[in-house]
Amino acid sequence: MKIAVSAQGRDLESPVDPRFGRARSFVVFDTETEQTIALDNQVNLNAMQGAGIQAARAVTGLGVSVVITGNIGPKAFAALEAGQVAVYSGAAGTVRQAIEAFQAGRLHPAQRANVEGHWA
């Protein structure tokens, strides 16, 4: 399974970015191989609109099954849901800590967005 975490950096020790659509990057962790890749999200950092939808398309295109983030807006949530990607919001700490919390069952799937659109 591939897990994408919104991050302020490019590795497992990076802090979780509390924003999904405008996260600096996404660290994608493959639970089978334990390999990570970083997906740059620079194009969406200053987007006037559509950042969440574009970020959702990007991570969905990588074949992720789970997204872990701090906060997620309604359009990004809907785009991930349409791509059959489970969303876990409210994460904090490092990317590694967020993944460990998910694997230990300490994070719960989001049922809806937890912030309004255009949240900064």
PDB file of N, CA and C in Angstrom:
ATOM      1  N   MET A   1       0.839  -1.179   0.000  1.00  0.00           N
ATOM      2  CA  MET A   1       0.000   0.000   0.000  1.00  0.00           C
ATOM      3  C   MET A   1       0.881   1.237   0.000  1.00  0.00           C
ATOM      4  N   LYS A   2       0.449   2.259  -0.726  1.00  0.00           N
ATOM      5  CA  LYS A   2       1.168   3.534  -0.737  1.00  0.00           C
ATOM      6  C   LYS A   2       0.389   4.559   0.080  1.00  0.00           C
ATOM      7  N   ILE A   3       1.139   5.268   0.917  1.00  0.00           N
ATOM      8  CA  ILE A   3       0.578   6.290   1.792  1.00  0.00           C
ATOM      9  C   ILE A   3       1.242   7.625   1.444  1.00  0.00           C
ATOM     10  N   ALA A   4       0.443   8.647   1.176  1.00  0.00           N
ATOM     11  CA  ALA A   4       0.980   9.987   0.916  1.00  0.00           C
ATOM     12  C   ALA A   4       0.720  10.862   2.136  1.00  0.00           C
ATOM     13  N   VAL A   5       1.760  11.552   2.586  1.00  0.00           N
ATOM     14  CA  VAL A   5       1.645  12.440   3.742  1.00  0.00           C
ATOM     15  C   VAL A   5       2.002  13.852   3.303  1.00  0.00           C
ATOM     16  N   SER A   6       1.135  14.827   3.597  1.00  0.00           N
ATOM     17  CA  SER A   6       1.470  16.217   3.288  1.00  0.00           C
ATOM     18  C   SER A   6       2.632  16.626   4.181  1.00  0.00           C
ATOM     19  N   ALA A   7       3.662  17.193   3.557  1.00  0.00           N
ATOM     20  CA  ALA A   7       4.899  17.445   4.309  1.00  0.00           C
ATOM     21  C   ALA A   7       5.486  18.813   4.001  1.00  0.00           C
ATOM     22  N   GLN A   8       6.257  19.296   4.968  1.00  0.00           N
ATOM     23  CA  GLN A   8       6.978  20.558   4.787  1.00  0.00           C
ATOM     24  C   GLN A   8       8.362  20.324   4.197  1.00  0.00           C
ATOM     25  N   GLY A   9       8.728  19.086   4.017  1.00  0.00           N
ATOM     26  CA  GLY A   9      10.025  18.726   3.445  1.00  0.00           C
ATOM     27  C   GLY A   9       9.875  17.517   2.547  1.00  0.00           C
ATOM     28  N   ARG A  10      10.984  16.793   2.354  1.00  0.00           N
ATOM     29  CA  ARG A  10      10.994  15.722   1.366  1.00  0.00           C
ATOM     30  C   ARG A  10      11.337  14.334   1.923  1.00  0.00           C
ATOM     31  N   ASP A  11      11.318  14.179   3.261  1.00  0.00           N
ATOM     32  CA  ASP A  11      11.689  12.872   3.814  1.00  0.00           C
ATOM     33  C   ASP A  11      10.853  12.551   5.053  1.00  0.00           C
ATOM     34  N   LEU A  12      11.110  11.387   5.620  1.00  0.00           N
ATOM     35  CA  LEU A  12      10.324  10.908   6.757  1.00  0.00           C
ATOM     36  C   LEU A  12      10.467  11.755   8.016  1.00  0.00           C
ATOM     37  N   GLU A  13      11.555  12.506   8.122  1.00  0.00           N
ATOM     38  CA  GLU A  13      11.767  13.341   9.307  1.00  0.00           C
ATOM     39  C   GLU A  13      11.197  14.746   9.145  1.00  0.00           C
ATOM     40  N   SER A  14      10.605  15.034   8.006  1.00  0.00           N
ATOM     41  CA  SER A  14       9.991  16.344   7.766  1.00  0.00           C
ATOM     42  C   SER A  14       8.722  16.493   8.595  1.00  0.00           C
ATOM     43  N   PRO A  15       8.417  17.706   9.025  1.00  0.00           N
ATOM     44  CA  PRO A  15       7.145  17.927   9.719  1.00  0.00           C
ATOM     45  C   PRO A  15       5.966  17.724   8.766  1.00  0.00           C
ATOM     46  N   VAL A  16       4.865  17.218   9.302  1.00  0.00           N
ATOM     47  CA  VAL A  16       3.631  17.131   8.527  1.00  0.00           C
ATOM     48  C   VAL A  16       3.190  18.552   8.217  1.00  0.00           C
ATOM     49  N   ASP A  17       2.823  18.804   6.969  1.00  0.00           N
ATOM     50  CA  ASP A  17       2.274  20.114   6.614  1.00  0.00           C
ATOM     51  C   ASP A  17       0.795  20.086   6.974  1.00  0.00           C
ATOM     52  N   PRO A  18       0.302  21.060   7.737  1.00  0.00           N
ATOM     53  CA  PRO A  18      -1.103  21.035   8.138  1.00  0.00           C
ATOM     54  C   PRO A  18      -2.063  21.284   6.976  1.00  0.00           C
ATOM     55  N   ARG A  19      -1.534  21.726   5.822  1.00  0.00           N
ATOM     56  CA  ARG A  19      -2.370  22.000   4.654  1.00  0.00           C
ATOM     57  C   ARG A  19      -2.216  20.859   3.652  1.00  0.00           C
ATOM     58  N   PHE A  20      -3.301  20.438   3.029  1.00  0.00           N
ATOM     59  CA  PHE A  20      -3.197  19.418   1.993  1.00  0.00           C
ATOM     60  C   PHE A  20      -2.873  20.063   0.643  1.00  0.00           C
ATOM     61  N   GLY A  21      -3.766  20.843   0.119  1.00  0.00           N
ATOM     62  CA  GLY A  21      -3.602  21.394  -1.225  1.00  0.00           C
ATOM     63  C   GLY A  21      -2.384  22.275  -1.396  1.00  0.00           C
ATOM     64  N   ARG A  22      -2.028  22.989  -0.357  1.00  0.00           N
ATOM     65  CA  ARG A  22      -0.893  23.908  -0.429  1.00  0.00           C
ATOM     66  C   ARG A  22       0.316  23.404   0.367  1.00  0.00           C
ATOM     67  N   ALA A  23       0.356  22.104   0.580  1.00  0.00           N
ATOM     68  CA  ALA A  23       1.531  21.510   1.231  1.00  0.00           C
ATOM     69  C   ALA A  23       2.750  21.727   0.338  1.00  0.00           C
ATOM     70  N   ARG A  24       3.919  21.876   0.954  1.00  0.00           N
ATOM     71  CA  ARG A  24       5.150  22.054   0.182  1.00  0.00           C
ATOM     72  C   ARG A  24       5.433  20.824  -0.677  1.00  0.00           C
ATOM     73  N   SER A  25       5.167  19.637  -0.097  1.00  0.00           N
ATOM     74  CA  SER A  25       5.404  18.391  -0.836  1.00  0.00           C
ATOM     75  C   SER A  25       4.564  17.277  -0.225  1.00  0.00           C
ATOM     76  N   PHE A  26       4.660  16.121  -0.842  1.00  0.00           N
ATOM     77  CA  PHE A  26       4.044  14.910  -0.314  1.00  0.00           C
ATOM     78  C   PHE A  26       5.129  13.847  -0.246  1.00  0.00           C
ATOM     79  N   VAL A  27       5.243  13.213   0.899  1.00  0.00           N
ATOM     80  CA  VAL A  27       6.150  12.080   1.031  1.00  0.00           C
ATOM     81  C   VAL A  27       5.287  10.835   0.869  1.00  0.00           C
ATOM     82  N   VAL A  28       5.639  10.023  -0.114  1.00  0.00           N
ATOM     83  CA  VAL A  28       4.883   8.809  -0.402  1.00  0.00           C
ATOM     84  C   VAL A  28       5.691   7.622   0.109  1.00  0.00           C
ATOM     85  N   PHE A  29       5.067   6.847   0.988  1.00  0.00           N
ATOM     86  CA  PHE A  29       5.712   5.694   1.612  1.00  0.00           C
ATOM     87  C   PHE A  29       5.018   4.429   1.136  1.00  0.00           C
ATOM     88  N   ASP A  30       5.793   3.482   0.626  1.00  0.00           N
ATOM     89  CA  ASP A  30       5.276   2.194   0.182  1.00  0.00           C
ATOM     90  C   ASP A  30       5.461   1.199   1.325  1.00  0.00           C
ATOM     91  N   THR A  31       4.381   0.704   1.881  1.00  0.00           N
ATOM     92  CA  THR A  31       4.470  -0.192   3.039  1.00  0.00           C
ATOM     93  C   THR A  31       5.074  -1.547   2.688  1.00  0.00           C
ATOM     94  N   GLU A  32       5.007  -1.943   1.429  1.00  0.00           N
ATOM     95  CA  GLU A  32       5.559  -3.241   1.023  1.00  0.00           C
ATOM     96  C   GLU A  32       7.074  -3.197   0.862  1.00  0.00           C
ATOM     97  N   THR A  33       7.576  -2.121   0.252  1.00  0.00           N
ATOM     98  CA  THR A  33       9.015  -2.017  -0.009  1.00  0.00           C
ATOM     99  C   THR A  33       9.734  -1.140   1.007  1.00  0.00           C
ATOM    100  N   GLU A  34       8.958  -0.370   1.783  1.00  0.00           N
ATOM    101  CA  GLU A  34       9.470   0.621   2.733  1.00  0.00           C
ATOM    102  C   GLU A  34      10.309   1.707   2.051  1.00  0.00           C
ATOM    103  N   GLN A  35      10.045   1.922   0.776  1.00  0.00           N
ATOM    104  CA  GLN A  35      10.710   2.980   0.016  1.00  0.00           C
ATOM    105  C   GLN A  35       9.856   4.249   0.084  1.00  0.00           C
ATOM    106  N   THR A  36      10.529   5.397  -0.002  1.00  0.00           N
ATOM    107  CA  THR A  36       9.820   6.669  -0.039  1.00  0.00           C
ATOM    108  C   THR A  36      10.216   7.436  -1.296  1.00  0.00           C
ATOM    109  N   ILE A  37       9.275   8.226  -1.776  1.00  0.00           N
ATOM    110  CA  ILE A  37       9.563   9.203  -2.820  1.00  0.00           C
ATOM    111  C   ILE A  37       8.928  10.507  -2.367  1.00  0.00           C
ATOM    112  N   ALA A  38       9.448  11.606  -2.866  1.00  0.00           N
ATOM    113  CA  ALA A  38       8.875  12.910  -2.555  1.00  0.00           C
ATOM    114  C   ALA A  38       8.264  13.497  -3.818  1.00  0.00           C
ATOM    115  N   LEU A  39       7.068  13.992  -3.692  1.00  0.00           N
ATOM    116  CA  LEU A  39       6.371  14.646  -4.786  1.00  0.00           C
ATOM    117  C   LEU A  39       6.326  16.138  -4.480  1.00  0.00           C
ATOM    118  N   ASP A  40       6.989  16.931  -5.301  1.00  0.00           N
ATOM    119  CA  ASP A  40       6.997  18.374  -5.116  1.00  0.00           C
ATOM    120  C   ASP A  40       5.616  18.946  -5.433  1.00  0.00           C
ATOM    121  N   ASN A  41       5.118  19.828  -4.607  1.00  0.00           N
ATOM    122  CA  ASN A  41       3.812  20.448  -4.803  1.00  0.00           C
ATOM    123  C   ASN A  41       3.942  21.954  -4.988  1.00  0.00           C
ATOM    124  N   GLN A  42       5.102  22.403  -5.390  1.00  0.00           N
ATOM    125  CA  GLN A  42       5.399  23.832  -5.555  1.00  0.00           C
ATOM    126  C   GLN A  42       4.370  24.537  -6.437  1.00  0.00           C
ATOM    127  N   VAL A  43       3.908  23.863  -7.464  1.00  0.00           N
ATOM    128  CA  VAL A  43       2.964  24.474  -8.391  1.00  0.00           C
ATOM    129  C   VAL A  43       1.674  24.913  -7.699  1.00  0.00           C
ATOM    130  N   ASN A  44       1.323  24.277  -6.608  1.00  0.00           N
ATOM    131  CA  ASN A  44       0.077  24.608  -5.918  1.00  0.00           C
ATOM    132  C   ASN A  44       0.247  25.530  -4.713  1.00  0.00           C
ATOM    133  N   LEU A  45       1.481  25.821  -4.328  1.00  0.00           N
ATOM    134  CA  LEU A  45       1.693  26.650  -3.136  1.00  0.00           C
ATOM    135  C   LEU A  45       1.012  28.006  -3.239  1.00  0.00           C
ATOM    136  N   ASN A  46       1.083  28.632  -4.392  1.00  0.00           N
ATOM    137  CA  ASN A  46       0.522  29.967  -4.556  1.00  0.00           C
ATOM    138  C   ASN A  46      -0.608  30.023  -5.564  1.00  0.00           C
ATOM    139  N   ALA A  47      -1.209  28.883  -5.856  1.00  0.00           N
ATOM    140  CA  ALA A  47      -2.312  28.847  -6.818  1.00  0.00           C
ATOM    141  C   ALA A  47      -3.481  29.684  -6.295  1.00  0.00           C
ATOM    142  N   MET A  48      -4.102  30.420  -7.202  1.00  0.00           N
ATOM    143  CA  MET A  48      -5.251  31.238  -6.819  1.00  0.00           C
ATOM    144  C   MET A  48      -6.431  30.357  -6.407  1.00  0.00           C
ATOM    145  N   GLN A  49      -6.625  29.260  -7.114  1.00  0.00           N
ATOM    146  CA  GLN A  49      -7.697  28.328  -6.781  1.00  0.00           C
ATOM    147  C   GLN A  49      -7.360  26.955  -7.347  1.00  0.00           C
ATOM    148  N   GLY A  50      -8.048  25.945  -6.860  1.00  0.00           N
ATOM    149  CA  GLY A  50      -7.859  24.595  -7.372  1.00  0.00           C
ATOM    150  C   GLY A  50      -6.671  23.838  -6.826  1.00  0.00           C
ATOM    151  N   ALA A  51      -5.991  24.381  -5.809  1.00  0.00           N
ATOM    152  CA  ALA A  51      -4.796  23.726  -5.272  1.00  0.00           C
ATOM    153  C   ALA A  51      -5.116  22.342  -4.724  1.00  0.00           C
ATOM    154  N   GLY A  52      -6.203  22.217  -3.994  1.00  0.00           N
ATOM    155  CA  GLY A  52      -6.571  20.936  -3.398  1.00  0.00           C
ATOM    156  C   GLY A  52      -6.916  19.887  -4.440  1.00  0.00           C
ATOM    157  N   ILE A  53      -7.657  20.295  -5.451  1.00  0.00           N
ATOM    158  CA  ILE A  53      -8.040  19.361  -6.506  1.00  0.00           C
ATOM    159  C   ILE A  53      -6.806  18.895  -7.276  1.00  0.00           C
ATOM    160  N   GLN A  54      -5.914  19.825  -7.602  1.00  0.00           N
ATOM    161  CA  GLN A  54      -4.697  19.459  -8.337  1.00  0.00           C
ATOM    162  C   GLN A  54      -3.791  18.555  -7.509  1.00  0.00           C
ATOM    163  N   ALA A  55      -3.667  18.851  -6.225  1.00  0.00           N
ATOM    164  CA  ALA A  55      -2.853  18.003  -5.347  1.00  0.00           C
ATOM    165  C   ALA A  55      -3.476  16.613  -5.244  1.00  0.00           C
ATOM    166  N   ALA A  56      -4.796  16.546  -5.147  1.00  0.00           N
ATOM    167  CA  ALA A  56      -5.482  15.254  -5.079  1.00  0.00           C
ATOM    168  C   ALA A  56      -5.231  14.442  -6.341  1.00  0.00           C
ATOM    169  N   ARG A  57      -5.294  15.078  -7.489  1.00  0.00           N
ATOM    170  CA  ARG A  57      -5.024  14.379  -8.749  1.00  0.00           C
ATOM    171  C   ARG A  57      -3.590  13.868  -8.797  1.00  0.00           C
ATOM    172  N   ALA A  58      -2.667  14.673  -8.315  1.00  0.00           N
ATOM    173  CA  ALA A  58      -1.254  14.277  -8.343  1.00  0.00           C
ATOM    174  C   ALA A  58      -0.992  13.040  -7.485  1.00  0.00           C
ATOM    175  N   VAL A  59      -1.499  13.033  -6.256  1.00  0.00           N
ATOM    176  CA  VAL A  59      -1.238  11.876  -5.393  1.00  0.00           C
ATOM    177  C   VAL A  59      -2.036  10.658  -5.846  1.00  0.00           C
ATOM    178  N   THR A  60      -3.239  10.864  -6.344  1.00  0.00           N
ATOM    179  CA  THR A  60      -4.021   9.748  -6.859  1.00  0.00           C
ATOM    180  C   THR A  60      -3.306   9.101  -8.040  1.00  0.00           C
ATOM    181  N   GLY A  61      -2.672   9.935  -8.867  1.00  0.00           N
ATOM    182  CA  GLY A  61      -1.929   9.437 -10.019  1.00  0.00           C
ATOM    183  C   GLY A  61      -0.734   8.575  -9.651  1.00  0.00           C
ATOM    184  N   LEU A  62      -0.280   8.691  -8.414  1.00  0.00           N
ATOM    185  CA  LEU A  62       0.839   7.869  -7.947  1.00  0.00           C
ATOM    186  C   LEU A  62       0.365   6.523  -7.389  1.00  0.00           C
ATOM    187  N   GLY A  63      -0.929   6.311  -7.379  1.00  0.00           N
ATOM    188  CA  GLY A  63      -1.458   5.037  -6.905  1.00  0.00           C
ATOM    189  C   GLY A  63      -1.540   4.904  -5.395  1.00  0.00           C
ATOM    190  N   VAL A  64      -1.671   6.030  -4.690  1.00  0.00           N
ATOM    191  CA  VAL A  64      -1.772   5.941  -3.237  1.00  0.00           C
ATOM    192  C   VAL A  64      -3.163   5.458  -2.824  1.00  0.00           C
ATOM    193  N   SER A  65      -3.221   4.781  -1.698  1.00  0.00           N
ATOM    194  CA  SER A  65      -4.487   4.303  -1.139  1.00  0.00           C
ATOM    195  C   SER A  65      -4.941   5.161   0.028  1.00  0.00           C
ATOM    196  N   VAL A  66      -3.970   5.855   0.653  1.00  0.00           N
ATOM    197  CA  VAL A  66      -4.228   6.626   1.868  1.00  0.00           C
ATOM    198  C   VAL A  66      -3.510   7.965   1.777  1.00  0.00           C
ATOM    199  N   VAL A  67      -4.189   9.022   2.213  1.00  0.00           N
ATOM    200  CA  VAL A  67      -3.579  10.341   2.394  1.00  0.00           C
ATOM    201  C   VAL A  67      -3.678  10.693   3.868  1.00  0.00           C
ATOM    202  N   ILE A  68      -2.561  11.143   4.423  1.00  0.00           N
ATOM    203  CA  ILE A  68      -2.524  11.620   5.800  1.00  0.00           C
ATOM    204  C   ILE A  68      -2.138  13.093   5.750  1.00  0.00           C
ATOM    205  N   THR A  69      -2.908  13.925   6.432  1.00  0.00           N
ATOM    206  CA  THR A  69      -2.665  15.365   6.408  1.00  0.00           C
ATOM    207  C   THR A  69      -3.176  15.993   7.699  1.00  0.00           C
ATOM    208  N   GLY A  70      -2.879  17.269   7.846  1.00  0.00           N
ATOM    209  CA  GLY A  70      -3.412  18.002   8.986  1.00  0.00           C
ATOM    210  C   GLY A  70      -4.857  18.399   8.741  1.00  0.00           C
ATOM    211  N   ASN A  71      -5.084  19.083   7.620  1.00  0.00           N
ATOM    212  CA  ASN A  71      -6.409  19.592   7.288  1.00  0.00           C
ATOM    213  C   ASN A  71      -6.666  19.409   5.806  1.00  0.00           C
ATOM    214  N   ILE A  72      -7.941  19.282   5.453  1.00  0.00           N
ATOM    215  CA  ILE A  72      -8.313  19.099   4.048  1.00  0.00           C
ATOM    216  C   ILE A  72      -9.645  19.780   3.784  1.00  0.00           C
ATOM    217  N   GLY A  73      -9.715  20.462   2.649  1.00  0.00           N
ATOM    218  CA  GLY A  73     -10.921  21.168   2.258  1.00  0.00           C
ATOM    219  C   GLY A  73     -11.895  20.267   1.510  1.00  0.00           C
ATOM    220  N   PRO A  74     -13.107  20.787   1.263  1.00  0.00           N
ATOM    221  CA  PRO A  74     -14.164  19.965   0.675  1.00  0.00           C
ATOM    222  C   PRO A  74     -13.890  19.495  -0.757  1.00  0.00           C
ATOM    223  N   LYS A  75     -13.311  20.320  -1.592  1.00  0.00           N
ATOM    224  CA  LYS A  75     -13.071  19.909  -2.981  1.00  0.00           C
ATOM    225  C   LYS A  75     -11.965  18.867  -3.060  1.00  0.00           C
ATOM    226  N   ALA A  76     -10.911  19.049  -2.292  1.00  0.00           N
ATOM    227  CA  ALA A  76      -9.828  18.060  -2.268  1.00  0.00           C
ATOM    228  C   ALA A  76     -10.339  16.743  -1.695  1.00  0.00           C
ATOM    229  N   PHE A  77     -11.138  16.822  -0.630  1.00  0.00           N
ATOM    230  CA  PHE A  77     -11.694  15.613  -0.031  1.00  0.00           C
ATOM    231  C   PHE A  77     -12.539  14.856  -1.055  1.00  0.00           C
ATOM    232  N   ALA A  78     -13.390  15.584  -1.773  1.00  0.00           N
ATOM    233  CA  ALA A  78     -14.251  14.951  -2.778  1.00  0.00           C
ATOM    234  C   ALA A  78     -13.433  14.329  -3.904  1.00  0.00           C
ATOM    235  N   ALA A  79     -12.368  15.004  -4.328  1.00  0.00           N
ATOM    236  CA  ALA A  79     -11.518  14.468  -5.396  1.00  0.00           C
ATOM    237  C   ALA A  79     -10.815  13.189  -4.946  1.00  0.00           C
ATOM    238  N   LEU A  80     -10.333  13.162  -3.720  1.00  0.00           N
ATOM    239  CA  LEU A  80      -9.687  11.952  -3.201  1.00  0.00           C
ATOM    240  C   LEU A  80     -10.704  10.827  -3.027  1.00  0.00           C
ATOM    241  N   GLU A  81     -11.872  11.170  -2.526  1.00  0.00           N
ATOM    242  CA  GLU A  81     -12.925  10.170  -2.350  1.00  0.00           C
ATOM    243  C   GLU A  81     -13.310   9.561  -3.702  1.00  0.00           C
ATOM    244  N   ALA A  82     -13.407  10.396  -4.731  1.00  0.00           N
ATOM    245  CA  ALA A  82     -13.736   9.903  -6.077  1.00  0.00           C
ATOM    246  C   ALA A  82     -12.644   8.974  -6.603  1.00  0.00           C
ATOM    247  N   GLY A  83     -11.396   9.225  -6.193  1.00  0.00           N
ATOM    248  CA  GLY A  83     -10.279   8.379  -6.596  1.00  0.00           C
ATOM    249  C   GLY A  83     -10.088   7.181  -5.686  1.00  0.00           C
ATOM    250  N   GLN A  84     -11.023   6.963  -4.759  1.00  0.00           N
ATOM    251  CA  GLN A  84     -11.002   5.850  -3.810  1.00  0.00           C
ATOM    252  C   GLN A  84      -9.756   5.868  -2.916  1.00  0.00           C
ATOM    253  N   VAL A  85      -9.390   7.090  -2.495  1.00  0.00           N
ATOM    254  CA  VAL A  85      -8.266   7.281  -1.581  1.00  0.00           C
ATOM    255  C   VAL A  85      -8.842   7.639  -0.214  1.00  0.00           C
ATOM    256  N   ALA A  86      -8.467   6.883   0.810  1.00  0.00           N
ATOM    257  CA  ALA A  86      -8.920   7.163   2.174  1.00  0.00           C
ATOM    258  C   ALA A  86      -8.144   8.349   2.726  1.00  0.00           C
ATOM    259  N   VAL A  87      -8.835   9.229   3.440  1.00  0.00           N
ATOM    260  CA  VAL A  87      -8.224  10.437   3.998  1.00  0.00           C
ATOM    261  C   VAL A  87      -8.208  10.344   5.516  1.00  0.00           C
ATOM    262  N   TYR A  88      -7.053  10.665   6.086  1.00  0.00           N
ATOM    263  CA  TYR A  88      -6.884  10.732   7.539  1.00  0.00           C
ATOM    264  C   TYR A  88      -6.372  12.133   7.855  1.00  0.00           C
ATOM    265  N   SER A  89      -7.182  12.930   8.537  1.00  0.00           N
ATOM    266  CA  SER A  89      -6.782  14.302   8.853  1.00  0.00           C
ATOM    267  C   SER A  89      -6.465  14.422  10.330  1.00  0.00           C
ATOM    268  N   GLY A  90      -5.920  15.572  10.708  1.00  0.00           N
ATOM    269  CA  GLY A  90      -5.578  15.815  12.104  1.00  0.00           C
ATOM    270  C   GLY A  90      -4.187  15.350  12.481  1.00  0.00           C
ATOM    271  N   ALA A  91      -3.393  14.959  11.498  1.00  0.00           N
ATOM    272  CA  ALA A  91      -2.041  14.471  11.777  1.00  0.00           C
ATOM    273  C   ALA A  91      -1.111  15.621  12.158  1.00  0.00           C
ATOM    274  N   ALA A  92      -0.115  15.320  12.967  1.00  0.00           N
ATOM    275  CA  ALA A  92       0.895  16.292  13.383  1.00  0.00           C
ATOM    276  C   ALA A  92       2.198  15.546  13.615  1.00  0.00           C
ATOM    277  N   GLY A  93       3.238  16.278  13.949  1.00  0.00           N
ATOM    278  CA  GLY A  93       4.542  15.662  14.179  1.00  0.00           C
ATOM    279  C   GLY A  93       5.276  15.480  12.862  1.00  0.00           C
ATOM    280  N   THR A  94       6.112  14.465  12.794  1.00  0.00           N
ATOM    281  CA  THR A  94       6.860  14.197  11.560  1.00  0.00           C
ATOM    282  C   THR A  94       6.078  13.243  10.668  1.00  0.00           C
ATOM    283  N   VAL A  95       6.516  13.154   9.432  1.00  0.00           N
ATOM    284  CA  VAL A  95       5.906  12.208   8.501  1.00  0.00           C
ATOM    285  C   VAL A  95       6.011  10.793   9.073  1.00  0.00           C
ATOM    286  N   ARG A  96       7.179  10.446   9.575  1.00  0.00           N
ATOM    287  CA  ARG A  96       7.371   9.108  10.163  1.00  0.00           C
ATOM    288  C   ARG A  96       6.368   8.860  11.298  1.00  0.00           C
ATOM    289  N   GLN A  97       6.196   9.838  12.185  1.00  0.00           N
ATOM    290  CA  GLN A  97       5.263   9.684  13.303  1.00  0.00           C
ATOM    291  C   GLN A  97       3.823   9.525  12.814  1.00  0.00           C
ATOM    292  N   ALA A  98       3.463  10.260  11.762  1.00  0.00           N
ATOM    293  CA  ALA A  98       2.109  10.155  11.210  1.00  0.00           C
ATOM    294  C   ALA A  98       1.872   8.772  10.616  1.00  0.00           C
ATOM    295  N   ILE A  99       2.859   8.245   9.908  1.00  0.00           N
ATOM    296  CA  ILE A  99       2.731   6.908   9.323  1.00  0.00           C
ATOM    297  C   ILE A  99       2.640   5.861  10.428  1.00  0.00           C
ATOM    298  N   GLU A 100       3.473   5.996  11.450  1.00  0.00           N
ATOM    299  CA  GLU A 100       3.429   5.052  12.570  1.00  0.00           C
ATOM    300  C   GLU A 100       2.079   5.102  13.285  1.00  0.00           C
ATOM    301  N   ALA A 101       1.527   6.302  13.455  1.00  0.00           N
ATOM    302  CA  ALA A 101       0.221   6.443  14.097  1.00  0.00           C
ATOM    303  C   ALA A 101      -0.856   5.770  13.253  1.00  0.00           C
ATOM    304  N   PHE A 102      -0.786   5.933  11.940  1.00  0.00           N
ATOM    305  CA  PHE A 102      -1.742   5.276  11.044  1.00  0.00           C
ATOM    306  C   PHE A 102      -1.626   3.758  11.161  1.00  0.00           C
ATOM    307  N   GLN A 103      -0.412   3.253  11.075  1.00  0.00           N
ATOM    308  CA  GLN A 103      -0.196   1.808  11.122  1.00  0.00           C
ATOM    309  C   GLN A 103      -0.606   1.200  12.464  1.00  0.00           C
ATOM    310  N   ALA A 104      -0.523   1.978  13.527  1.00  0.00           N
ATOM    311  CA  ALA A 104      -0.914   1.502  14.856  1.00  0.00           C
ATOM    312  C   ALA A 104      -2.413   1.677  15.127  1.00  0.00           C
ATOM    313  N   GLY A 105      -3.131   2.256  14.157  1.00  0.00           N
ATOM    314  CA  GLY A 105      -4.565   2.441  14.321  1.00  0.00           C
ATOM    315  C   GLY A 105      -4.948   3.634  15.169  1.00  0.00           C
ATOM    316  N   ARG A 106      -4.016   4.572  15.364  1.00  0.00           N
ATOM    317  CA  ARG A 106      -4.302   5.749  16.189  1.00  0.00           C
ATOM    318  C   ARG A 106      -4.915   6.899  15.394  1.00  0.00           C
ATOM    319  N   LEU A 107      -4.925   6.791  14.076  1.00  0.00           N
ATOM    320  CA  LEU A 107      -5.590   7.791  13.235  1.00  0.00           C
ATOM    321  C   LEU A 107      -6.886   7.179  12.723  1.00  0.00           C
ATOM    322  N   HIS A 108      -7.888   8.009  12.571  1.00  0.00           N
ATOM    323  CA  HIS A 108      -9.189   7.524  12.117  1.00  0.00           C
ATOM    324  C   HIS A 108      -9.544   8.184  10.797  1.00  0.00           C
ATOM    325  N   PRO A 109     -10.197   7.446   9.905  1.00  0.00           N
ATOM    326  CA  PRO A 109     -10.538   8.011   8.602  1.00  0.00           C
ATOM    327  C   PRO A 109     -11.483   9.202   8.737  1.00  0.00           C
ATOM    328  N   ALA A 110     -11.212  10.214   7.939  1.00  0.00           N
ATOM    329  CA  ALA A 110     -12.072  11.396   7.917  1.00  0.00           C
ATOM    330  C   ALA A 110     -13.357  11.052   7.160  1.00  0.00           C
ATOM    331  N   GLN A 111     -14.456  11.549   7.629  1.00  0.00           N
ATOM    332  CA  GLN A 111     -15.743  11.333   6.972  1.00  0.00           C
ATOM    333  C   GLN A 111     -16.117  12.506   6.066  1.00  0.00           C
ATOM    334  N   ARG A 112     -15.386  13.624   6.256  1.00  0.00           N
ATOM    335  CA  ARG A 112     -15.654  14.835   5.475  1.00  0.00           C
ATOM    336  C   ARG A 112     -14.480  15.793   5.661  1.00  0.00           C
ATOM    337  N   ALA A 113     -14.501  16.882   4.903  1.00  0.00           N
ATOM    338  CA  ALA A 113     -13.472  17.924   5.047  1.00  0.00           C
ATOM    339  C   ALA A 113     -13.535  18.501   6.453  1.00  0.00           C
ATOM    340  N   ASN A 114     -12.376  18.961   6.949  1.00  0.00           N
ATOM    341  CA  ASN A 114     -12.384  19.549   8.286  1.00  0.00           C
ATOM    342  C   ASN A 114     -12.084  21.046   8.268  1.00  0.00           C
ATOM    343  N   VAL A 115     -11.930  21.630   7.081  1.00  0.00           N
ATOM    344  CA  VAL A 115     -11.794  23.080   6.930  1.00  0.00           C
ATOM    345  C   VAL A 115     -12.566  23.511   5.675  1.00  0.00           C
ATOM    346  N   GLU A 116     -12.851  24.787   5.593  1.00  0.00           N
ATOM    347  CA  GLU A 116     -13.517  25.333   4.408  1.00  0.00           C
ATOM    348  C   GLU A 116     -12.511  25.446   3.266  1.00  0.00           C
ATOM    349  N   GLY A 117     -12.988  25.615   2.069  1.00  0.00           N
ATOM    350  CA  GLY A 117     -12.123  25.829   0.915  1.00  0.00           C
ATOM    351  C   GLY A 117     -11.301  27.098   1.096  1.00  0.00           C
ATOM    352  N   HIS A 118     -10.166  27.160   0.420  1.00  0.00           N
ATOM    353  CA  HIS A 118      -9.248  28.314   0.466  1.00  0.00           C
ATOM    354  C   HIS A 118      -8.701  28.570   1.862  1.00  0.00           C
ATOM    355  N   TRP A 119      -8.590  27.535   2.662  1.00  0.00           N
ATOM    356  CA  TRP A 119      -8.010  27.659   3.999  1.00  0.00           C
ATOM    357  C   TRP A 119      -6.510  27.844   3.846  1.00  0.00           C
ATOM    358  N   ALA A 120      -5.921  28.754   4.581  1.00  0.00           N
ATOM    359  CA  ALA A 120      -4.483  28.988   4.463  1.00  0.00           C
ATOM    360  C   ALA A 120      -3.821  28.496   5.656  1.00  0.00           C
TER     361      ALA A 120
END
